[in-house]
Amino acid sequence: MGIFSGFSRIFSRRLPPIRSGSTRSERGRYGEDLAAAYCRKELGYKLLARNWRWERDELDLVCLDGEVLVFIEVRARSARARVGGFHSVDAKKKKALRRGCRAYINQLQNPPKHVRFDVTEVVLSDEGVGEIHHYQNVTLFSKHYSTLL
């Protein structure tokens, strides 16, 4: 996936479990619910949008961390998955995310000076308990990218 700066936060506690035998879509929605609650309650982010769509691209969560606009990709995975959520964001997905992020920024009348990309991995146990790993400032944009251009 490349280098990321920042750190990973691990957050684990008993949350309302997801039912066994749930569909991929239900697990994804559950993971996004957990990630959104975590970002609001634990990290203090302000949630601006969920599942924001532009053409064929979608941004899972768009938040504000102080004055920084944060785009968050949420990946829910079984604890037994061979590839974790963080590592499943490949070059093709990053390209789609860049398109979506630029589209979101372009529709803002006053875009913020600073933007960041995070990945939130939700690891689901067989009992339906979610463990969150939050990776801040994952490389998505060039270090010279500016919203002010």
Protein backbone atom coordinates (compact mmCIF):
# COMPACT_ATOMS: atom_id res chain seq x y z
CA MET A 1 0.00 0.00 0.00
CA GLY A 2 2.87 2.33 0.48
CA ILE A 3 4.11 4.37 3.34
CA PHE A 4 1.84 6.15 5.76
CA SER A 5 2.75 8.73 8.28
CA GLY A 6 0.97 9.19 11.52
CA PHE A 7 -0.05 6.19 13.53
CA SER A 8 -2.56 3.44 14.03
CA ARG A 9 -5.08 3.60 16.80
CA ILE A 10 -6.58 0.41 18.10
CA PHE A 11 -9.99 0.69 19.69
CA SER A 12 -11.71 -2.39 20.98
CA ARG A 13 -14.75 -2.79 23.12
CA ARG A 14 -17.95 -4.73 23.15
CA LEU A 15 -20.34 -3.10 20.72
CA PRO A 16 -23.73 -4.31 19.59
CA PRO A 17 -22.69 -7.38 17.59
CA ILE A 18 -23.61 -7.94 13.98
CA ARG A 19 -25.66 -11.06 13.41
CA SER A 20 -23.88 -14.14 12.16
CA GLY A 21 -24.54 -14.97 8.53
CA SER A 22 -24.84 -11.29 7.61
CA THR A 23 -24.27 -10.27 4.00
CA ARG A 24 -21.17 -8.47 2.75
CA SER A 25 -23.26 -5.31 2.37
CA GLU A 26 -24.54 -5.56 5.96
CA ARG A 27 -21.00 -6.09 7.29
CA GLY A 28 -19.81 -3.08 5.29
CA ARG A 29 -22.62 -0.89 6.62
CA TYR A 30 -21.93 -2.13 10.16
CA GLY A 31 -18.23 -1.32 9.75
CA GLU A 32 -19.07 2.19 8.52
CA ASP A 33 -21.43 2.71 11.48
CA LEU A 34 -18.67 1.70 13.91
CA ALA A 35 -16.07 3.83 12.12
CA ALA A 36 -18.33 6.90 12.05
CA ALA A 37 -19.11 6.54 15.78
CA TYR A 38 -15.42 6.07 16.56
CA CYS A 39 -14.39 9.14 14.55
CA ARG A 40 -17.03 11.31 16.24
CA LYS A 41 -16.84 10.03 19.82
CA GLU A 42 -13.21 8.97 20.23
CA LEU A 43 -11.35 11.22 17.81
CA GLY A 44 -13.63 14.26 18.02
CA TYR A 45 -14.06 14.60 14.24
CA LYS A 46 -17.06 16.41 12.81
CA LEU A 47 -18.83 14.16 10.31
CA LEU A 48 -19.65 16.09 7.12
CA ALA A 49 -20.78 13.31 4.77
CA ARG A 50 -21.31 9.57 4.58
CA ASN A 51 -21.25 7.57 1.38
CA TRP A 52 -20.77 10.73 -0.70
CA ARG A 53 -21.04 9.84 -4.39
CA TRP A 54 -19.72 11.44 -7.55
CA GLU A 55 -20.24 9.60 -10.80
CA ARG A 56 -18.91 6.08 -10.12
CA ASP A 57 -16.81 6.98 -7.08
CA GLU A 58 -17.81 6.96 -3.43
CA LEU A 59 -16.22 8.39 -0.30
CA ASP A 60 -17.16 6.44 2.84
CA LEU A 61 -16.67 9.25 5.38
CA VAL A 62 -15.79 12.91 5.02
CA CYS A 63 -14.89 14.63 8.29
CA LEU A 64 -13.28 17.69 9.77
CA ASP A 65 -10.42 17.25 12.23
CA GLY A 66 -10.07 20.83 13.41
CA GLU A 67 -9.44 22.71 10.16
CA VAL A 68 -8.24 19.64 8.23
CA LEU A 69 -10.62 17.99 5.78
CA VAL A 70 -10.29 14.22 6.26
CA PHE A 71 -11.39 11.60 3.75
CA ILE A 72 -11.77 8.17 5.35
CA GLU A 73 -11.93 4.83 3.59
CA VAL A 74 -13.57 2.19 5.79
CA ARG A 75 -12.68 -1.46 5.32
CA ALA A 76 -14.59 -4.09 7.31
CA ARG A 77 -12.97 -7.52 7.34
CA SER A 78 -13.33 -10.78 9.16
CA ALA A 79 -10.65 -11.45 11.74
CA ARG A 80 -9.80 -14.49 9.60
CA ALA A 81 -9.30 -12.52 6.36
CA ARG A 82 -6.02 -13.17 4.58
CA VAL A 83 -5.60 -9.50 3.63
CA GLY A 84 -6.38 -6.83 6.16
CA GLY A 85 -8.42 -3.76 5.35
CA PHE A 86 -5.46 -1.39 5.34
CA HIS A 87 -3.59 -3.46 2.78
CA SER A 88 -6.67 -3.96 0.61
CA VAL A 89 -6.60 -0.33 -0.54
CA ASP A 90 -4.63 -0.97 -3.72
CA ALA A 91 -3.46 1.36 -6.52
CA LYS A 92 -6.75 1.04 -8.42
CA LYS A 93 -8.78 1.95 -5.33
CA LYS A 94 -6.45 4.85 -4.54
CA LYS A 95 -6.96 6.23 -8.04
CA ALA A 96 -10.74 6.13 -7.59
CA LEU A 97 -10.41 7.74 -4.16
CA ARG A 98 -8.28 10.57 -5.57
CA ARG A 99 -10.96 11.26 -8.19
CA GLY A 100 -13.67 11.30 -5.55
CA CYS A 101 -11.68 13.50 -3.16
CA ARG A 102 -10.91 16.03 -5.90
CA ALA A 103 -14.58 16.10 -6.92
CA TYR A 104 -15.61 16.72 -3.32
CA ILE A 105 -13.05 19.50 -2.89
CA ASN A 106 -14.04 21.11 -6.22
CA GLN A 107 -17.68 21.44 -5.14
CA LEU A 108 -16.73 23.39 -2.00
CA GLN A 109 -17.00 27.18 -2.18
CA ASN A 110 -14.21 27.62 0.38
CA PRO A 111 -12.01 24.53 0.34
CA PRO A 112 -9.77 24.05 3.37
CA LYS A 113 -6.06 24.56 3.00
CA HIS A 114 -5.22 21.10 4.38
CA VAL A 115 -6.61 17.69 3.47
CA ARG A 116 -5.72 14.21 4.68
CA PHE A 117 -6.59 10.64 3.85
CA ASP A 118 -7.17 8.04 6.58
CA VAL A 119 -8.04 4.36 6.50
CA THR A 120 -10.22 2.82 9.20
CA GLU A 121 -10.04 -0.96 9.34
CA VAL A 122 -12.83 -2.71 11.24
CA VAL A 123 -11.88 -6.26 12.19
CA LEU A 124 -14.98 -8.35 12.90
CA SER A 125 -14.67 -11.37 15.16
CA ASP A 126 -16.86 -14.46 14.75
CA GLU A 127 -18.90 -13.17 17.70
CA GLY A 128 -19.64 -9.91 15.83
CA VAL A 129 -17.39 -7.72 17.96
CA GLY A 130 -15.62 -4.92 16.10
CA GLU A 131 -12.02 -3.85 16.65
CA ILE A 132 -11.03 -0.60 14.98
CA HIS A 133 -7.58 0.22 13.63
CA HIS A 134 -7.38 3.82 12.47
CA TYR A 135 -4.48 4.84 10.23
CA GLN A 136 -4.01 8.59 9.87
CA ASN A 137 -2.38 10.45 7.03
CA VAL A 138 -2.07 7.58 4.57
CA THR A 139 -0.34 8.61 1.33
CA LEU A 140 -2.94 9.37 -1.32
CA PHE A 141 -2.04 12.80 -2.66
CA SER A 142 1.29 14.11 -3.84
CA LYS A 143 3.08 16.04 -1.14
CA HIS A 144 2.72 19.09 -3.40
CA TYR A 145 -1.07 18.76 -3.78
CA SER A 146 -2.95 21.90 -2.86
CA THR A 147 -6.66 22.61 -2.66
CA LEU A 148 -5.90 26.26 -3.40
CA LEU A 149 -4.90 25.75 -7.04
